[in-house]
Amino acid sequence: MKGRARIILGGLAVVYLLIVFRAFHIQVLGVPGIRARGAKQYCVKVPLVPRRGAILDRAGNELAVSLSTKSLFVQPVKLPTHDRAAAILSPILSRPRSALRSLFDSEKGFVWVSRQIPSSTADEAVGAVRRALCGGKGDCGIGTVEEPKRFYPNRELAASLIGFTDVDSVGLEGVELALDNSLRGEQGYLVCERDALGRVIVPADTPVEVNSAGSAVSLTIDRNIQHAAQSELFDTVKRYNAKGGTAIVLSPRTGEILAMAT
């Protein structure tokens, strides 16, 4: 009996130690993992446009920059009335009332209404909806977040060389595409929550994970020489009724490209 009792007591002791170890692992060592899994269930990140670096000419003049704008979003589930909100926003945003109403009637918990619009327009839209539907109190299911927008201060100057980006700040043509990895900054996020039905909810004090700006790029072209080359090329093509043309200006000493027009 004594031997059998010892075996039983030893087995119970081992089981007890395993339970204690497992409890220690869950309550102490496993806390970060449990928190991470919980955050995945109720947290969601809405990606924001990264701030691209500037494109400069050889003298440091800006050829492409990113300006601060605001993007307008709505949480349809929190809007007191979809039809009235659409009627208020339609003239401010110059969008059909029916299109806005359809957007608000969707089953999504978060929808973008207008991306990268002037801050004054976005603030006017938010203020008008909140005053009309919430008496100026609370967020009323509408808000804004800052996002950069690509801007070309010289308009068509070196446009074929510089290229352009899409609304999500991804390079599509020219230098914007060729050097996209260097120009594109780190993406930021709007940190939101999910309700019991999985819909996205944006709290009034929702944090924004700030994005870091991309690197600036300096080209060898000269803005003034580029303008002269484009003007001469345009006049020549028009004078001889040509289908098109190309002009390239090089530095005789270094071979650097000072202008390139097509």
C-alpha atoms as a PDB file:
ATOM      1  CA  MET A   1       0.000   0.000   0.000  1.00  0.00           C
ATOM      2  CA  LYS A   2       2.787   2.365   0.844  1.00  0.00           C
ATOM      3  CA  GLY A   3       4.390   1.972  -2.586  1.00  0.00           C
ATOM      4  CA  ARG A   4       1.091   2.347  -4.377  1.00  0.00           C
ATOM      5  CA  ALA A   5       0.216   5.439  -2.312  1.00  0.00           C
ATOM      6  CA  ARG A   6       3.537   7.015  -3.157  1.00  0.00           C
ATOM      7  CA  ILE A   7       2.935   6.473  -6.855  1.00  0.00           C
ATOM      8  CA  ILE A   8      -0.515   8.026  -6.613  1.00  0.00           C
ATOM      9  CA  LEU A   9       0.753  10.979  -4.590  1.00  0.00           C
ATOM     10  CA  GLY A  10       3.644  11.435  -7.003  1.00  0.00           C
ATOM     11  CA  GLY A  11       1.255  11.441  -9.958  1.00  0.00           C
ATOM     12  CA  LEU A  12      -1.004  13.998  -8.278  1.00  0.00           C
ATOM     13  CA  ALA A  13       2.013  16.156  -7.508  1.00  0.00           C
ATOM     14  CA  VAL A  14       3.104  16.069 -11.150  1.00  0.00           C
ATOM     15  CA  VAL A  15      -0.404  16.977 -12.322  1.00  0.00           C
ATOM     16  CA  TYR A  16      -0.522  19.820  -9.780  1.00  0.00           C
ATOM     17  CA  LEU A  17       2.842  21.168 -10.960  1.00  0.00           C
ATOM     18  CA  LEU A  18       1.702  21.005 -14.587  1.00  0.00           C
ATOM     19  CA  ILE A  19      -1.452  22.955 -13.719  1.00  0.00           C
ATOM     20  CA  VAL A  20       0.586  25.583 -11.853  1.00  0.00           C
ATOM     21  CA  PHE A  21       3.041  25.862 -14.743  1.00  0.00           C
ATOM     22  CA  ARG A  22       0.224  26.194 -17.277  1.00  0.00           C
ATOM     23  CA  ALA A  23      -1.509  28.865 -15.181  1.00  0.00           C
ATOM     24  CA  PHE A  24       1.789  30.769 -14.866  1.00  0.00           C
ATOM     25  CA  HIS A  25       2.338  30.516 -18.616  1.00  0.00           C
ATOM     26  CA  ILE A  26      -1.141  31.851 -19.419  1.00  0.00           C
ATOM     27  CA  GLN A  27      -1.358  34.588 -16.797  1.00  0.00           C
ATOM     28  CA  VAL A  28       2.240  35.834 -16.975  1.00  0.00           C
ATOM     29  CA  LEU A  29       4.123  34.691 -20.071  1.00  0.00           C
ATOM     30  CA  GLY A  30       1.092  34.546 -22.351  1.00  0.00           C
ATOM     31  CA  VAL A  31      -0.342  38.005 -21.610  1.00  0.00           C
ATOM     32  CA  PRO A  32       1.223  39.755 -24.658  1.00  0.00           C
ATOM     33  CA  GLY A  33      -0.088  37.052 -27.006  1.00  0.00           C
ATOM     34  CA  ILE A  34      -3.584  37.157 -25.503  1.00  0.00           C
ATOM     35  CA  ARG A  35      -3.677  40.939 -25.788  1.00  0.00           C
ATOM     36  CA  ALA A  36      -2.543  40.758 -29.400  1.00  0.00           C
ATOM     37  CA  ARG A  37      -5.273  38.225 -30.284  1.00  0.00           C
ATOM     38  CA  GLY A  38      -7.870  40.342 -28.504  1.00  0.00           C
ATOM     39  CA  ALA A  39      -6.739  43.469 -30.330  1.00  0.00           C
ATOM     40  CA  LYS A  40      -7.100  41.642 -33.662  1.00  0.00           C
ATOM     41  CA  GLN A  41     -10.725  40.881 -32.865  1.00  0.00           C
ATOM     42  CA  TYR A  42     -11.846  44.392 -31.961  1.00  0.00           C
ATOM     43  CA  CYS A  43      -9.231  46.643 -33.607  1.00  0.00           C
ATOM     44  CA  VAL A  44      -8.997  47.483 -37.293  1.00  0.00           C
ATOM     45  CA  LYS A  45      -6.631  49.815 -39.130  1.00  0.00           C
ATOM     46  CA  VAL A  46      -7.816  51.956 -42.049  1.00  0.00           C
ATOM     47  CA  PRO A  47      -4.790  52.744 -44.281  1.00  0.00           C
ATOM     48  CA  LEU A  48      -3.990  56.391 -45.005  1.00  0.00           C
ATOM     49  CA  VAL A  49      -2.048  57.915 -47.881  1.00  0.00           C
ATOM     50  CA  PRO A  50       1.694  58.182 -47.128  1.00  0.00           C
ATOM     51  CA  ARG A  51       3.447  61.538 -47.552  1.00  0.00           C
ATOM     52  CA  ARG A  52       5.731  61.370 -50.592  1.00  0.00           C
ATOM     53  CA  GLY A  53       9.056  63.168 -50.751  1.00  0.00           C
ATOM     54  CA  ALA A  54       9.464  66.220 -52.973  1.00  0.00           C
ATOM     55  CA  ILE A  55      10.957  66.138 -56.472  1.00  0.00           C
ATOM     56  CA  LEU A  56      13.394  69.041 -57.011  1.00  0.00           C
ATOM     57  CA  ASP A  57      15.381  70.420 -59.932  1.00  0.00           C
ATOM     58  CA  ARG A  58      19.152  70.972 -59.745  1.00  0.00           C
ATOM     59  CA  ALA A  59      18.657  74.359 -58.031  1.00  0.00           C
ATOM     60  CA  GLY A  60      16.267  73.030 -55.398  1.00  0.00           C
ATOM     61  CA  ASN A  61      13.082  74.335 -57.041  1.00  0.00           C
ATOM     62  CA  GLU A  62      10.041  72.183 -56.315  1.00  0.00           C
ATOM     63  CA  LEU A  63       8.666  70.195 -59.251  1.00  0.00           C
ATOM     64  CA  ALA A  64       6.378  67.927 -57.214  1.00  0.00           C
ATOM     65  CA  VAL A  65       5.288  68.284 -53.577  1.00  0.00           C
ATOM     66  CA  SER A  66       2.710  66.843 -51.182  1.00  0.00           C
ATOM     67  CA  LEU A  67       0.177  69.272 -49.692  1.00  0.00           C
ATOM     68  CA  SER A  68      -1.904  68.720 -46.564  1.00  0.00           C
ATOM     69  CA  THR A  69      -5.572  68.038 -47.281  1.00  0.00           C
ATOM     70  CA  LYS A  70      -8.405  66.314 -45.462  1.00  0.00           C
ATOM     71  CA  SER A  71     -10.408  63.212 -46.291  1.00  0.00           C
ATOM     72  CA  LEU A  72     -14.047  63.042 -45.216  1.00  0.00           C
ATOM     73  CA  PHE A  73     -15.513  59.811 -43.793  1.00  0.00           C
ATOM     74  CA  VAL A  74     -18.896  58.745 -42.492  1.00  0.00           C
ATOM     75  CA  GLN A  75     -20.078  55.976 -40.186  1.00  0.00           C
ATOM     76  CA  PRO A  76     -23.560  55.247 -41.576  1.00  0.00           C
ATOM     77  CA  VAL A  77     -24.685  53.381 -38.456  1.00  0.00           C
ATOM     78  CA  LYS A  78     -24.157  56.534 -36.358  1.00  0.00           C
ATOM     79  CA  LEU A  79     -25.799  59.003 -38.770  1.00  0.00           C
ATOM     80  CA  PRO A  80     -29.191  60.075 -37.338  1.00  0.00           C
ATOM     81  CA  THR A  81     -30.723  60.346 -40.829  1.00  0.00           C
ATOM     82  CA  HIS A  82     -29.095  59.346 -44.105  1.00  0.00           C
ATOM     83  CA  ASP A  83     -31.369  61.351 -46.383  1.00  0.00           C
ATOM     84  CA  ARG A  84     -30.877  64.652 -44.599  1.00  0.00           C
ATOM     85  CA  ALA A  85     -27.104  64.123 -44.330  1.00  0.00           C
ATOM     86  CA  ALA A  86     -26.957  63.494 -48.079  1.00  0.00           C
ATOM     87  CA  ALA A  87     -28.996  66.641 -48.752  1.00  0.00           C
ATOM     88  CA  ILE A  88     -26.614  68.742 -46.637  1.00  0.00           C
ATOM     89  CA  LEU A  89     -23.413  67.340 -48.134  1.00  0.00           C
ATOM     90  CA  SER A  90     -24.531  67.313 -51.782  1.00  0.00           C
ATOM     91  CA  PRO A  91     -24.065  71.057 -52.550  1.00  0.00           C
ATOM     92  CA  ILE A  92     -20.907  71.339 -50.423  1.00  0.00           C
ATOM     93  CA  LEU A  93     -19.151  68.404 -52.090  1.00  0.00           C
ATOM     94  CA  SER A  94     -20.772  68.883 -55.529  1.00  0.00           C
ATOM     95  CA  ARG A  95     -21.958  65.279 -55.580  1.00  0.00           C
ATOM     96  CA  PRO A  96     -25.433  63.946 -56.438  1.00  0.00           C
ATOM     97  CA  ARG A  97     -27.691  63.499 -53.439  1.00  0.00           C
ATOM     98  CA  SER A  98     -28.749  60.057 -54.649  1.00  0.00           C
ATOM     99  CA  ALA A  99     -25.140  58.866 -54.855  1.00  0.00           C
ATOM    100  CA  LEU A 100     -24.445  59.984 -51.281  1.00  0.00           C
ATOM    101  CA  ARG A 101     -27.656  58.376 -50.050  1.00  0.00           C
ATOM    102  CA  SER A 102     -26.673  55.053 -51.653  1.00  0.00           C
ATOM    103  CA  LEU A 103     -23.254  55.310 -50.028  1.00  0.00           C
ATOM    104  CA  PHE A 104     -24.767  55.916 -46.592  1.00  0.00           C
ATOM    105  CA  ASP A 105     -27.284  53.087 -47.015  1.00  0.00           C
ATOM    106  CA  SER A 106     -24.516  50.525 -47.448  1.00  0.00           C
ATOM    107  CA  GLU A 107     -23.973  47.954 -44.720  1.00  0.00           C
ATOM    108  CA  LYS A 108     -20.399  49.093 -44.115  1.00  0.00           C
ATOM    109  CA  GLY A 109     -19.539  50.632 -40.785  1.00  0.00           C
ATOM    110  CA  PHE A 110     -17.025  53.051 -42.336  1.00  0.00           C
ATOM    111  CA  VAL A 111     -17.032  54.701 -45.771  1.00  0.00           C
ATOM    112  CA  TRP A 112     -14.921  57.389 -47.404  1.00  0.00           C
ATOM    113  CA  VAL A 113     -17.101  60.198 -48.767  1.00  0.00           C
ATOM    114  CA  SER A 114     -14.424  62.420 -50.354  1.00  0.00           C
ATOM    115  CA  ARG A 115     -10.669  61.925 -50.357  1.00  0.00           C
ATOM    116  CA  GLN A 116      -8.014  64.638 -50.320  1.00  0.00           C
ATOM    117  CA  ILE A 117     -10.249  67.701 -50.487  1.00  0.00           C
ATOM    118  CA  PRO A 118      -9.402  71.225 -49.241  1.00  0.00           C
ATOM    119  CA  SER A 119      -9.446  71.485 -45.451  1.00  0.00           C
ATOM    120  CA  SER A 120     -11.954  74.361 -45.590  1.00  0.00           C
ATOM    121  CA  THR A 121     -14.421  72.255 -47.603  1.00  0.00           C
ATOM    122  CA  ALA A 122     -14.053  69.261 -45.292  1.00  0.00           C
ATOM    123  CA  ASP A 123     -14.513  71.392 -42.162  1.00  0.00           C
ATOM    124  CA  GLU A 124     -17.561  73.086 -43.688  1.00  0.00           C
ATOM    125  CA  ALA A 125     -19.146  69.708 -44.476  1.00  0.00           C
ATOM    126  CA  VAL A 126     -18.535  68.291 -40.999  1.00  0.00           C
ATOM    127  CA  GLY A 127     -19.752  71.456 -39.279  1.00  0.00           C
ATOM    128  CA  ALA A 128     -22.940  71.649 -41.360  1.00  0.00           C
ATOM    129  CA  VAL A 129     -23.913  68.015 -40.646  1.00  0.00           C
ATOM    130  CA  ARG A 130     -23.150  68.231 -36.935  1.00  0.00           C
ATOM    131  CA  ARG A 131     -25.084  71.463 -36.491  1.00  0.00           C
ATOM    132  CA  ALA A 132     -28.114  70.192 -38.395  1.00  0.00           C
ATOM    133  CA  LEU A 133     -28.293  66.640 -37.049  1.00  0.00           C
ATOM    134  CA  CYS A 134     -26.654  66.798 -33.623  1.00  0.00           C
ATOM    135  CA  GLY A 135     -27.068  70.401 -32.548  1.00  0.00           C
ATOM    136  CA  GLY A 136     -23.306  70.835 -32.721  1.00  0.00           C
ATOM    137  CA  LYS A 137     -22.767  68.187 -30.016  1.00  0.00           C
ATOM    138  CA  GLY A 138     -20.986  64.892 -30.658  1.00  0.00           C
ATOM    139  CA  ASP A 139     -19.334  63.602 -33.833  1.00  0.00           C
ATOM    140  CA  CYS A 140     -22.691  62.536 -35.364  1.00  0.00           C
ATOM    141  CA  GLY A 141     -20.992  59.780 -37.377  1.00  0.00           C
ATOM    142  CA  ILE A 142     -18.967  62.118 -39.591  1.00  0.00           C
ATOM    143  CA  GLY A 143     -15.327  63.178 -39.352  1.00  0.00           C
ATOM    144  CA  THR A 144     -12.105  63.961 -41.159  1.00  0.00           C
ATOM    145  CA  VAL A 145      -8.507  62.809 -41.167  1.00  0.00           C
ATOM    146  CA  GLU A 146      -5.501  64.585 -42.661  1.00  0.00           C
ATOM    147  CA  GLU A 147      -4.015  63.073 -45.824  1.00  0.00           C
ATOM    148  CA  PRO A 148      -1.393  64.479 -48.219  1.00  0.00           C
ATOM    149  CA  LYS A 149      -2.187  65.126 -51.891  1.00  0.00           C
ATOM    150  CA  ARG A 150       0.350  65.290 -54.719  1.00  0.00           C
ATOM    151  CA  PHE A 151       0.678  68.738 -56.305  1.00  0.00           C
ATOM    152  CA  TYR A 152       2.722  69.912 -59.290  1.00  0.00           C
ATOM    153  CA  PRO A 153       3.353  73.673 -58.865  1.00  0.00           C
ATOM    154  CA  ASN A 154       4.645  74.141 -62.428  1.00  0.00           C
ATOM    155  CA  ARG A 155       1.690  72.329 -63.994  1.00  0.00           C
ATOM    156  CA  GLU A 156       2.704  70.817 -67.357  1.00  0.00           C
ATOM    157  CA  LEU A 157       6.403  71.682 -66.978  1.00  0.00           C
ATOM    158  CA  ALA A 158       8.376  68.420 -67.355  1.00  0.00           C
ATOM    159  CA  ALA A 159       5.102  66.539 -66.898  1.00  0.00           C
ATOM    160  CA  SER A 160       6.142  63.615 -69.125  1.00  0.00           C
ATOM    161  CA  LEU A 161       9.408  63.327 -67.212  1.00  0.00           C
ATOM    162  CA  ILE A 162       8.033  63.683 -63.677  1.00  0.00           C
ATOM    163  CA  GLY A 163       4.958  61.520 -64.241  1.00  0.00           C
ATOM    164  CA  PHE A 164       2.083  61.322 -61.743  1.00  0.00           C
ATOM    165  CA  THR A 165       0.553  59.291 -58.896  1.00  0.00           C
ATOM    166  CA  ASP A 166      -2.864  57.831 -58.153  1.00  0.00           C
ATOM    167  CA  VAL A 167      -5.150  58.811 -55.257  1.00  0.00           C
ATOM    168  CA  ASP A 168      -3.307  56.407 -52.945  1.00  0.00           C
ATOM    169  CA  SER A 169       0.028  58.128 -53.662  1.00  0.00           C
ATOM    170  CA  VAL A 170       1.454  55.298 -55.767  1.00  0.00           C
ATOM    171  CA  GLY A 171       3.691  56.360 -58.661  1.00  0.00           C
ATOM    172  CA  LEU A 172       2.249  55.477 -62.085  1.00  0.00           C
ATOM    173  CA  GLU A 173       4.516  57.171 -64.638  1.00  0.00           C
ATOM    174  CA  GLY A 174       7.888  58.906 -65.033  1.00  0.00           C
ATOM    175  CA  VAL A 175      10.137  59.654 -62.066  1.00  0.00           C
ATOM    176  CA  GLU A 176       7.188  59.120 -59.720  1.00  0.00           C
ATOM    177  CA  LEU A 177       7.126  55.478 -60.848  1.00  0.00           C
ATOM    178  CA  ALA A 178      10.855  54.884 -61.382  1.00  0.00           C
ATOM    179  CA  LEU A 179      11.783  56.175 -57.902  1.00  0.00           C
ATOM    180  CA  ASP A 180       8.554  55.196 -56.160  1.00  0.00           C
ATOM    181  CA  ASN A 181      10.325  53.205 -53.432  1.00  0.00           C
ATOM    182  CA  SER A 182      12.419  56.231 -52.439  1.00  0.00           C
ATOM    183  CA  LEU A 183       9.666  58.844 -52.771  1.00  0.00           C
ATOM    184  CA  ARG A 184       6.897  56.913 -51.067  1.00  0.00           C
ATOM    185  CA  GLY A 185       6.753  57.346 -47.296  1.00  0.00           C
ATOM    186  CA  GLU A 186       5.666  54.868 -44.673  1.00  0.00           C
ATOM    187  CA  GLN A 187       1.934  54.299 -44.640  1.00  0.00           C
ATOM    188  CA  GLY A 188      -0.070  55.607 -41.688  1.00  0.00           C
ATOM    189  CA  TYR A 189      -3.269  54.158 -40.244  1.00  0.00           C
ATOM    190  CA  LEU A 190      -6.493  55.314 -38.643  1.00  0.00           C
ATOM    191  CA  VAL A 191      -6.934  53.002 -35.640  1.00  0.00           C
ATOM    192  CA  CYS A 192     -10.602  52.012 -35.263  1.00  0.00           C
ATOM    193  CA  GLU A 193     -12.701  49.420 -33.425  1.00  0.00           C
ATOM    194  CA  ARG A 194     -15.247  46.783 -34.400  1.00  0.00           C
ATOM    195  CA  ASP A 195     -18.681  46.368 -32.882  1.00  0.00           C
ATOM    196  CA  ALA A 196     -20.380  43.034 -32.162  1.00  0.00           C
ATOM    197  CA  LEU A 197     -21.505  42.787 -35.807  1.00  0.00           C
ATOM    198  CA  GLY A 198     -18.009  43.406 -37.166  1.00  0.00           C
ATOM    199  CA  ARG A 199     -18.759  46.944 -38.344  1.00  0.00           C
ATOM    200  CA  VAL A 200     -15.999  49.545 -38.125  1.00  0.00           C
ATOM    201  CA  ILE A 201     -16.522  52.165 -35.419  1.00  0.00           C
ATOM    202  CA  VAL A 202     -14.369  55.291 -35.227  1.00  0.00           C
ATOM    203  CA  PRO A 203     -14.242  56.653 -31.650  1.00  0.00           C
ATOM    204  CA  ALA A 204     -14.207  60.439 -31.207  1.00  0.00           C
ATOM    205  CA  ASP A 205     -10.626  60.293 -29.898  1.00  0.00           C
ATOM    206  CA  THR A 206      -9.403  57.660 -32.345  1.00  0.00           C
ATOM    207  CA  PRO A 207      -5.602  57.671 -32.664  1.00  0.00           C
ATOM    208  CA  VAL A 208      -3.782  58.070 -35.960  1.00  0.00           C
ATOM    209  CA  GLU A 209      -0.549  56.149 -36.482  1.00  0.00           C
ATOM    210  CA  VAL A 210       1.594  58.875 -38.022  1.00  0.00           C
ATOM    211  CA  ASN A 211       3.310  58.066 -41.300  1.00  0.00           C
ATOM    212  CA  SER A 212       6.878  59.113 -42.026  1.00  0.00           C
ATOM    213  CA  ALA A 213       7.615  61.157 -45.134  1.00  0.00           C
ATOM    214  CA  GLY A 214       9.466  59.717 -48.100  1.00  0.00           C
ATOM    215  CA  SER A 215      12.850  60.925 -49.283  1.00  0.00           C
ATOM    216  CA  ALA A 216      13.242  63.990 -51.507  1.00  0.00           C
ATOM    217  CA  VAL A 217      14.781  63.440 -54.936  1.00  0.00           C
ATOM    218  CA  SER A 218      16.917  65.996 -56.819  1.00  0.00           C
ATOM    219  CA  LEU A 219      17.077  65.800 -60.610  1.00  0.00           C
ATOM    220  CA  THR A 220      19.765  67.176 -62.915  1.00  0.00           C
ATOM    221  CA  ILE A 221      17.274  69.165 -64.976  1.00  0.00           C
ATOM    222  CA  ASP A 222      17.054  72.948 -64.676  1.00  0.00           C
ATOM    223  CA  ARG A 223      13.551  74.391 -64.431  1.00  0.00           C
ATOM    224  CA  ASN A 224      14.339  77.431 -66.608  1.00  0.00           C
ATOM    225  CA  ILE A 225      16.108  75.426 -69.307  1.00  0.00           C
ATOM    226  CA  GLN A 226      13.262  72.885 -69.226  1.00  0.00           C
ATOM    227  CA  HIS A 227      10.730  75.658 -69.802  1.00  0.00           C
ATOM    228  CA  ALA A 228      12.744  77.056 -72.735  1.00  0.00           C
ATOM    229  CA  ALA A 229      13.154  73.589 -74.285  1.00  0.00           C
ATOM    230  CA  GLN A 230       9.436  72.834 -74.036  1.00  0.00           C
ATOM    231  CA  SER A 231       8.472  76.197 -75.521  1.00  0.00           C
ATOM    232  CA  GLU A 232      10.861  75.821 -78.458  1.00  0.00           C
ATOM    233  CA  LEU A 233       9.742  72.259 -79.097  1.00  0.00           C
ATOM    234  CA  PHE A 234       6.065  73.239 -79.050  1.00  0.00           C
ATOM    235  CA  ASP A 235       6.627  76.132 -81.475  1.00  0.00           C
ATOM    236  CA  THR A 236       8.728  73.985 -83.819  1.00  0.00           C
ATOM    237  CA  VAL A 237       6.211  71.129 -83.924  1.00  0.00           C
ATOM    238  CA  LYS A 238       3.428  73.628 -84.628  1.00  0.00           C
ATOM    239  CA  ARG A 239       5.456  75.491 -87.286  1.00  0.00           C
ATOM    240  CA  TYR A 240       6.247  72.378 -89.316  1.00  0.00           C
ATOM    241  CA  ASN A 241       2.947  70.640 -88.596  1.00  0.00           C
ATOM    242  CA  ALA A 242       4.855  67.650 -87.206  1.00  0.00           C
ATOM    243  CA  LYS A 243       3.224  64.701 -85.438  1.00  0.00           C
ATOM    244  CA  GLY A 244       5.508  65.140 -82.448  1.00  0.00           C
ATOM    245  CA  GLY A 245       9.049  65.772 -81.319  1.00  0.00           C
ATOM    246  CA  THR A 246      11.668  65.328 -78.611  1.00  0.00           C
ATOM    247  CA  ALA A 247      14.197  67.780 -77.220  1.00  0.00           C
ATOM    248  CA  ILE A 248      17.071  66.902 -74.905  1.00  0.00           C
ATOM    249  CA  VAL A 249      19.552  69.422 -73.516  1.00  0.00           C
ATOM    250  CA  LEU A 250      22.847  68.091 -72.125  1.00  0.00           C
ATOM    251  CA  SER A 251      25.687  69.732 -70.235  1.00  0.00           C
ATOM    252  CA  PRO A 252      28.740  69.683 -72.576  1.00  0.00           C
ATOM    253  CA  ARG A 253      31.082  69.221 -69.620  1.00  0.00           C
ATOM    254  CA  THR A 254      29.390  66.530 -67.546  1.00  0.00           C
ATOM    255  CA  GLY A 255      26.794  65.046 -69.888  1.00  0.00           C
ATOM    256  CA  GLU A 256      24.057  65.691 -67.323  1.00  0.00           C
ATOM    257  CA  ILE A 257      20.540  66.067 -68.713  1.00  0.00           C
ATOM    258  CA  LEU A 258      19.446  69.678 -68.174  1.00  0.00           C
ATOM    259  CA  ALA A 259      16.095  69.366 -69.950  1.00  0.00           C
ATOM    260  CA  MET A 260      14.002  66.658 -71.596  1.00  0.00           C
ATOM    261  CA  ALA A 261      10.801  67.413 -73.441  1.00  0.00           C
ATOM    262  CA  THR A 262       8.496  65.362 -75.632  1.00  0.00           C
END
